[in-house]
Amino acid sequence: MAQPQSNETKLVFAADLGGTHLRAAAIDENGRIRYQLKKSTPHSSEAKDVVDALVEAARECECKTREHGVIQTVSVGVPGTIDVDEGVVITAPNIPCLEGFHLARELQNELHRPALIENDANAAAVGEMWQGAARGAKTIVCLTLGTGVGGGIILNGELWRGVDGSAGEVGHMPIEPFGGVVCGCGGEGCLEVYASGTAIVRMTRESLPDYANSILHAARRVTAEEVYRAGKKGDQLALEVFRRMGAYLGVALATLVDVLNPEMIVIAGGLANSWDLFAEHAIQQMSVRAFPLPVANVQIKRGECGDNAGLLGAASLAFRRSV
């Protein structure tokens, strides 16, 4: 990559590395996305293949944005526990080849730019605070509802990573700890098995026999999106699944409100598109379970950045640190 000049517009190469998709963009200091792309995340046992995909994406972004400025820093959101200071991926259940890998160092060596990595949900929280629903707020929790459930916590304007970088694992809060559904983490009854896209599909399949008239019997493949579409048409099974999902989410929100007393909780991720089917139930459960004072002072908002929240947050973190 070409070396930057001091008078050129500063850009960050930001990436959101998911278990399924790799999203990447060149972003300027105003949060404007100058170019972005999406491709499949390599399914490989070799970390080098993931590095190569990121490098290829960075070079494509550089090529497409030469007229806008020069990429000065690399910043990547990774789904897992991250040692931010060392640039090491500690755990990454959906991309296990990265576990224990010095991803920031390898990217820096390949791209000749300062590189940093961050948990993807943390990055999404920063993105929503910078350019989304939480603009102007200082203390927020961001829940990312997708295939799983992630969480990012910002206290008084600063990310709260905990003592070892693993803070914010909201998806693994036990909601039904005694005899609940087994989670991929090994625990029972985690929020993730009741309030994720995967959970929507599981709960729908489990209840299909009890709803003989559901239009979902005709679905070639049950997906969270199909269940949402059925719910919008008034399908009783779909509506019940989202009611149940919202109720469990509300229990988790009540705990977050009581423990952290945030100004705002932002619901982001792909499942946030189903907001109109679950939000009322979630807020109702939160309101009856949490203390009245923090409930009265918290806002529950749908994220505004969509799939770009993690990219924007990664860019913001890079601009704060070294650009």
Protein backbone atom coordinates (compact mmCIF):
# COMPACT_ATOMS: atom_id res chain seq x y z
CA MET A 1 0.00 0.00 0.00
CA ALA A 2 1.22 3.50 -0.83
CA GLN A 3 2.68 5.59 1.96
CA PRO A 4 0.43 8.52 3.06
CA GLN A 5 1.38 12.17 2.77
CA SER A 6 0.60 14.56 5.62
CA ASN A 7 -1.75 16.76 3.56
CA GLU A 8 -3.92 13.93 2.21
CA THR A 9 -7.38 13.04 3.47
CA LYS A 10 -7.12 10.41 6.18
CA LEU A 11 -8.96 7.14 5.63
CA VAL A 12 -9.20 3.98 7.68
CA PHE A 13 -9.55 0.50 6.24
CA ALA A 14 -12.22 -1.00 8.49
CA ALA A 15 -13.37 -4.61 8.41
CA ASP A 16 -16.11 -6.54 10.16
CA LEU A 17 -15.01 -10.16 10.15
CA GLY A 18 -18.02 -12.40 10.67
CA GLY A 19 -18.29 -16.15 10.72
CA THR A 20 -20.14 -16.02 7.39
CA HIS A 21 -19.31 -12.71 5.74
CA LEU A 22 -16.38 -10.31 5.64
CA ARG A 23 -17.50 -6.71 5.26
CA ALA A 24 -14.92 -4.01 4.64
CA ALA A 25 -14.80 -0.31 3.82
CA ALA A 26 -12.62 2.76 3.49
CA ILE A 27 -14.02 5.40 5.85
CA ASP A 28 -13.07 9.02 6.42
CA GLU A 29 -12.95 11.09 9.61
CA ASN A 30 -16.54 12.26 9.15
CA GLY A 31 -17.85 8.71 9.08
CA ARG A 32 -18.43 8.78 5.34
CA ILE A 33 -17.98 5.41 3.66
CA ARG A 34 -15.95 6.05 0.52
CA TYR A 35 -16.03 2.46 -0.71
CA GLN A 36 -17.21 -0.84 0.71
CA LEU A 37 -17.37 -4.49 -0.20
CA LYS A 38 -18.73 -7.78 1.08
CA LYS A 39 -17.39 -11.28 0.52
CA SER A 40 -17.45 -14.68 2.16
CA THR A 41 -15.22 -15.30 5.16
CA PRO A 42 -12.77 -18.09 4.34
CA HIS A 43 -13.67 -21.39 5.97
CA SER A 44 -10.16 -22.59 6.65
CA SER A 45 -8.04 -24.14 9.34
CA GLU A 46 -5.25 -21.69 8.48
CA ALA A 47 -5.20 -18.16 9.89
CA LYS A 48 -3.16 -17.10 6.86
CA ASP A 49 -6.21 -17.55 4.63
CA VAL A 50 -8.17 -15.07 6.74
CA VAL A 51 -5.25 -12.64 6.70
CA ASP A 52 -5.00 -12.97 2.91
CA ALA A 53 -8.72 -12.18 2.55
CA LEU A 54 -8.35 -9.06 4.70
CA VAL A 55 -5.26 -7.95 2.79
CA GLU A 56 -7.03 -8.43 -0.54
CA ALA A 57 -9.99 -6.40 0.72
CA ALA A 58 -7.70 -3.63 1.98
CA ARG A 59 -5.94 -3.39 -1.37
CA GLU A 60 -9.25 -3.26 -3.22
CA CYS A 61 -10.40 -0.44 -0.94
CA GLU A 62 -7.13 1.39 -1.50
CA CYS A 63 -7.42 1.05 -5.26
CA LYS A 64 -11.01 2.32 -5.30
CA THR A 65 -10.40 5.34 -3.04
CA ARG A 66 -7.17 6.87 -4.34
CA GLU A 67 -9.01 9.99 -5.45
CA HIS A 68 -10.51 10.45 -1.97
CA GLY A 69 -7.43 10.05 0.21
CA VAL A 70 -4.99 7.49 1.59
CA ILE A 71 -5.64 4.64 3.99
CA GLN A 72 -3.52 5.26 7.06
CA THR A 73 -4.71 2.65 9.56
CA VAL A 74 -6.24 -0.82 9.55
CA SER A 75 -8.97 -1.72 12.06
CA VAL A 76 -10.82 -5.03 12.26
CA GLY A 77 -13.79 -6.18 14.34
CA VAL A 78 -13.58 -9.88 15.24
CA PRO A 79 -16.30 -12.05 16.83
CA GLY A 80 -14.54 -13.22 19.95
CA THR A 81 -12.46 -12.26 22.98
CA ILE A 82 -9.66 -9.90 22.03
CA ASP A 83 -6.48 -8.76 23.73
CA VAL A 84 -6.65 -5.25 22.30
CA ASP A 85 -3.25 -4.13 23.60
CA GLU A 86 -1.40 -7.10 22.11
CA GLY A 87 -3.57 -7.41 19.02
CA VAL A 88 -4.23 -11.09 19.71
CA VAL A 89 -7.45 -13.05 19.19
CA ILE A 90 -7.98 -15.03 22.40
CA THR A 91 -11.13 -16.92 21.44
CA ALA A 92 -13.16 -16.90 18.22
CA PRO A 93 -15.74 -19.72 18.21
CA ASN A 94 -16.94 -18.96 14.68
CA ILE A 95 -13.41 -18.55 13.25
CA PRO A 96 -11.35 -21.01 15.35
CA CYS A 97 -8.26 -20.75 13.17
CA LEU A 98 -7.68 -17.27 14.65
CA GLU A 99 -7.55 -18.38 18.28
CA GLY A 100 -4.23 -17.36 19.82
CA PHE A 101 -3.26 -15.57 16.60
CA HIS A 102 -1.48 -12.18 16.48
CA LEU A 103 -3.87 -10.80 13.87
CA ALA A 104 -2.97 -7.11 14.27
CA ARG A 105 0.74 -7.81 13.91
CA GLU A 106 0.25 -9.91 10.78
CA LEU A 107 -1.93 -7.26 9.16
CA GLN A 108 0.60 -4.58 10.03
CA ASN A 109 3.39 -6.63 8.46
CA GLU A 110 1.40 -7.25 5.29
CA LEU A 111 -0.09 -3.80 4.80
CA HIS A 112 2.65 -1.61 6.36
CA ARG A 113 0.10 0.33 8.37
CA PRO A 114 -0.69 0.47 12.08
CA ALA A 115 -3.35 -2.17 12.75
CA LEU A 116 -5.73 -2.80 15.62
CA ILE A 117 -8.42 -5.36 16.36
CA GLU A 118 -11.50 -5.18 18.55
CA ASN A 119 -14.45 -7.34 19.49
CA ASP A 120 -17.12 -6.92 16.80
CA ALA A 121 -19.97 -6.06 19.19
CA ASN A 122 -17.77 -3.48 20.93
CA ALA A 123 -17.09 -1.96 17.53
CA ALA A 124 -20.83 -1.90 16.75
CA ALA A 125 -21.51 -0.07 20.02
CA VAL A 126 -18.91 2.57 19.12
CA GLY A 127 -20.37 2.86 15.63
CA GLU A 128 -23.88 3.49 16.95
CA MET A 129 -22.53 6.11 19.35
CA TRP A 130 -20.52 7.82 16.60
CA GLN A 131 -22.98 7.79 13.71
CA GLY A 132 -26.15 6.05 14.86
CA ALA A 133 -28.90 5.79 17.44
CA ALA A 134 -26.68 6.67 20.43
CA ARG A 135 -25.25 9.95 19.14
CA GLY A 136 -24.86 12.29 22.11
CA ALA A 137 -25.12 9.54 24.73
CA LYS A 138 -22.29 8.63 27.10
CA THR A 139 -23.34 5.39 28.79
CA ILE A 140 -24.94 2.75 26.60
CA VAL A 141 -25.27 -0.97 26.02
CA CYS A 142 -25.47 -2.21 22.44
CA LEU A 143 -26.93 -5.66 21.78
CA THR A 144 -26.23 -7.20 18.40
CA LEU A 145 -28.91 -9.75 17.53
CA GLY A 146 -27.88 -11.95 14.64
CA THR A 147 -26.93 -15.59 14.30
CA GLY A 148 -25.92 -15.20 17.96
CA VAL A 149 -26.17 -12.36 20.47
CA GLY A 150 -23.28 -10.01 21.17
CA GLY A 151 -22.93 -7.03 23.46
CA GLY A 152 -20.87 -3.88 23.78
CA ILE A 153 -20.79 -1.66 26.87
CA ILE A 154 -19.71 1.98 26.86
CA LEU A 155 -19.44 3.69 30.24
CA ASN A 156 -19.01 7.46 30.34
CA GLY A 157 -17.76 7.46 26.75
CA GLU A 158 -15.25 4.62 27.14
CA LEU A 159 -15.54 0.99 26.10
CA TRP A 160 -15.73 -1.34 29.07
CA ARG A 161 -13.71 -4.43 28.16
CA GLY A 162 -13.34 -5.86 31.66
CA VAL A 163 -10.10 -7.09 33.21
CA ASP A 164 -9.31 -9.57 30.44
CA GLY A 165 -11.20 -8.23 27.41
CA SER A 166 -14.23 -10.49 27.74
CA ALA A 167 -16.78 -8.01 29.11
CA GLY A 168 -20.06 -7.53 27.27
CA GLU A 169 -20.94 -11.18 26.60
CA VAL A 170 -24.61 -10.38 27.02
CA GLY A 171 -25.59 -13.31 24.82
CA HIS A 172 -24.41 -15.69 27.52
CA MET A 173 -26.37 -14.21 30.39
CA PRO A 174 -28.35 -17.15 31.83
CA ILE A 175 -32.07 -16.54 31.31
CA GLU A 176 -33.25 -20.13 31.94
CA PRO A 177 -30.26 -21.59 33.82
CA PHE A 178 -31.99 -24.70 35.19
CA GLY A 179 -33.04 -27.04 32.44
CA GLY A 180 -32.88 -24.47 29.65
CA VAL A 181 -31.74 -25.09 26.08
CA VAL A 182 -28.04 -25.91 25.84
CA CYS A 183 -26.01 -23.09 24.27
CA GLY A 184 -23.00 -23.43 22.01
CA CYS A 185 -20.87 -22.12 24.88
CA GLY A 186 -21.78 -25.19 26.92
CA GLY A 187 -24.06 -23.38 29.33
CA GLU A 188 -27.82 -23.78 29.69
CA GLY A 189 -30.49 -21.20 29.00
CA CYS A 190 -28.29 -18.37 27.68
CA LEU A 191 -30.00 -15.36 26.12
CA GLU A 192 -28.50 -16.39 22.79
CA VAL A 193 -30.63 -19.54 22.60
CA TYR A 194 -33.82 -17.48 23.01
CA ALA A 195 -33.16 -14.14 21.28
CA SER A 196 -31.03 -14.83 18.20
CA GLY A 197 -31.78 -15.69 14.59
CA THR A 198 -30.83 -19.28 15.37
CA ALA A 199 -33.25 -19.26 18.30
CA ILE A 200 -36.10 -17.98 16.14
CA VAL A 201 -35.60 -20.88 13.73
CA ARG A 202 -35.36 -23.46 16.53
CA MET A 203 -38.44 -22.23 18.38
CA THR A 204 -40.43 -22.15 15.14
CA ARG A 205 -39.52 -25.71 14.22
CA GLU A 206 -40.31 -26.93 17.72
CA SER A 207 -43.78 -25.37 17.67
CA LEU A 208 -44.81 -26.10 14.07
CA PRO A 209 -46.75 -29.28 15.00
CA ASP A 210 -48.96 -27.21 17.33
CA TYR A 211 -49.93 -24.73 14.60
CA ALA A 212 -51.50 -26.76 11.80
CA ASN A 213 -52.66 -23.64 9.94
CA SER A 214 -49.32 -21.82 9.95
CA ILE A 215 -48.11 -20.72 6.53
CA LEU A 216 -44.63 -21.70 7.66
CA HIS A 217 -45.48 -25.34 6.93
CA ALA A 218 -45.11 -24.40 3.25
CA ALA A 219 -41.69 -22.76 3.67
CA ARG A 220 -38.97 -24.60 1.76
CA ARG A 221 -36.50 -23.54 4.44
CA VAL A 222 -37.36 -21.96 7.76
CA THR A 223 -35.25 -18.87 8.37
CA ALA A 224 -35.62 -15.97 10.78
CA GLU A 225 -36.50 -13.76 7.82
CA GLU A 226 -39.25 -16.17 6.70
CA VAL A 227 -40.67 -16.23 10.22
CA TYR A 228 -40.68 -12.42 10.27
CA ARG A 229 -42.51 -12.28 6.94
CA ALA A 230 -45.08 -14.73 8.25
CA GLY A 231 -45.53 -12.61 11.37
CA LYS A 232 -46.18 -9.52 9.27
CA LYS A 233 -48.97 -11.48 7.58
CA GLY A 234 -50.51 -12.29 10.95
CA ASP A 235 -49.31 -15.88 11.24
CA GLN A 236 -50.01 -16.92 14.83
CA LEU A 237 -47.00 -19.21 15.16
CA ALA A 238 -44.61 -16.49 13.99
CA LEU A 239 -46.20 -13.92 16.27
CA GLU A 240 -45.90 -16.26 19.25
CA VAL A 241 -42.23 -17.00 18.50
CA PHE A 242 -41.41 -13.29 18.38
CA ARG A 243 -43.49 -12.67 21.51
CA ARG A 244 -41.48 -15.32 23.32
CA MET A 245 -38.20 -14.01 21.96
CA GLY A 246 -39.10 -10.47 23.06
CA ALA A 247 -40.05 -11.64 26.54
CA TYR A 248 -36.71 -13.34 27.08
CA LEU A 249 -34.90 -10.32 25.70
CA GLY A 250 -36.84 -8.14 28.13
CA VAL A 251 -35.61 -10.22 31.07
CA ALA A 252 -32.03 -9.56 29.95
CA LEU A 253 -32.74 -5.85 29.46
CA ALA A 254 -34.09 -5.63 33.00
CA THR A 255 -30.84 -7.05 34.36
CA LEU A 256 -28.74 -4.67 32.27
CA VAL A 257 -30.83 -1.70 33.39
CA ASP A 258 -30.58 -2.61 37.08
CA VAL A 259 -26.84 -3.38 36.99
CA LEU A 260 -25.54 -0.66 34.67
CA ASN A 261 -28.21 2.08 34.77
CA PRO A 262 -27.45 3.11 31.16
CA GLU A 263 -28.88 6.08 29.32
CA MET A 264 -29.71 3.90 26.37
CA ILE A 265 -29.80 0.32 25.15
CA VAL A 266 -29.41 -0.03 21.40
CA ILE A 267 -30.72 -3.15 19.65
CA ALA A 268 -28.67 -3.73 16.51
CA GLY A 269 -27.82 -6.63 14.21
CA GLY A 270 -29.82 -8.35 11.49
CA LEU A 271 -32.63 -9.45 13.80
CA ALA A 272 -33.30 -5.82 14.70
CA ASN A 273 -35.13 -5.69 11.37
CA SER A 274 -37.90 -7.59 13.18
CA TRP A 275 -38.17 -4.81 15.78
CA ASP A 276 -41.88 -4.25 15.26
CA LEU A 277 -42.69 -7.86 16.23
CA PHE A 278 -40.65 -8.14 19.45
CA ALA A 279 -39.81 -4.69 20.85
CA GLU A 280 -43.13 -4.12 22.62
CA HIS A 281 -42.85 -7.44 24.44
CA ALA A 282 -39.22 -6.81 25.40
CA ILE A 283 -39.92 -3.35 26.78
CA GLN A 284 -42.97 -4.61 28.68
CA GLN A 285 -40.96 -7.35 30.41
CA MET A 286 -38.11 -4.97 31.17
CA SER A 287 -40.51 -2.45 32.66
CA VAL A 288 -42.14 -4.88 35.10
CA ARG A 289 -38.89 -6.56 36.16
CA ALA A 290 -36.40 -3.71 36.60
CA PHE A 291 -36.42 -0.96 39.22
CA PRO A 292 -38.71 1.94 38.26
CA LEU A 293 -36.13 4.73 38.43
CA PRO A 294 -33.55 3.32 35.96
CA VAL A 295 -36.39 2.11 33.72
CA ALA A 296 -37.79 5.63 33.62
CA ASN A 297 -34.41 7.00 32.55
CA VAL A 298 -33.36 4.45 29.92
CA GLN A 299 -34.15 4.66 26.22
CA ILE A 300 -34.51 1.48 24.17
CA LYS A 301 -33.71 2.21 20.55
CA ARG A 302 -33.27 0.27 17.35
CA GLY A 303 -29.83 0.69 15.82
CA GLU A 304 -29.54 3.09 12.91
CA CYS A 305 -26.32 1.93 11.25
CA GLY A 306 -27.47 -1.49 10.11
CA ASP A 307 -24.71 -3.78 8.87
CA ASN A 308 -22.30 -0.83 8.88
CA ALA A 309 -22.26 -0.35 12.66
CA GLY A 310 -19.18 -2.52 13.18
CA LEU A 311 -17.33 -0.93 10.27
CA LEU A 312 -18.03 2.58 11.53
CA GLY A 313 -17.02 1.63 15.06
CA ALA A 314 -13.78 0.05 13.90
CA ALA A 315 -12.97 3.22 11.97
CA SER A 316 -13.82 5.45 14.93
CA LEU A 317 -11.53 3.45 17.21
CA ALA A 318 -8.70 3.79 14.72
CA PHE A 319 -9.15 7.55 14.38
CA ARG A 320 -9.13 7.90 18.16
CA ARG A 321 -6.00 5.84 18.58
CA SER A 322 -3.51 6.67 15.89
CA VAL A 323 -4.69 8.64 12.86
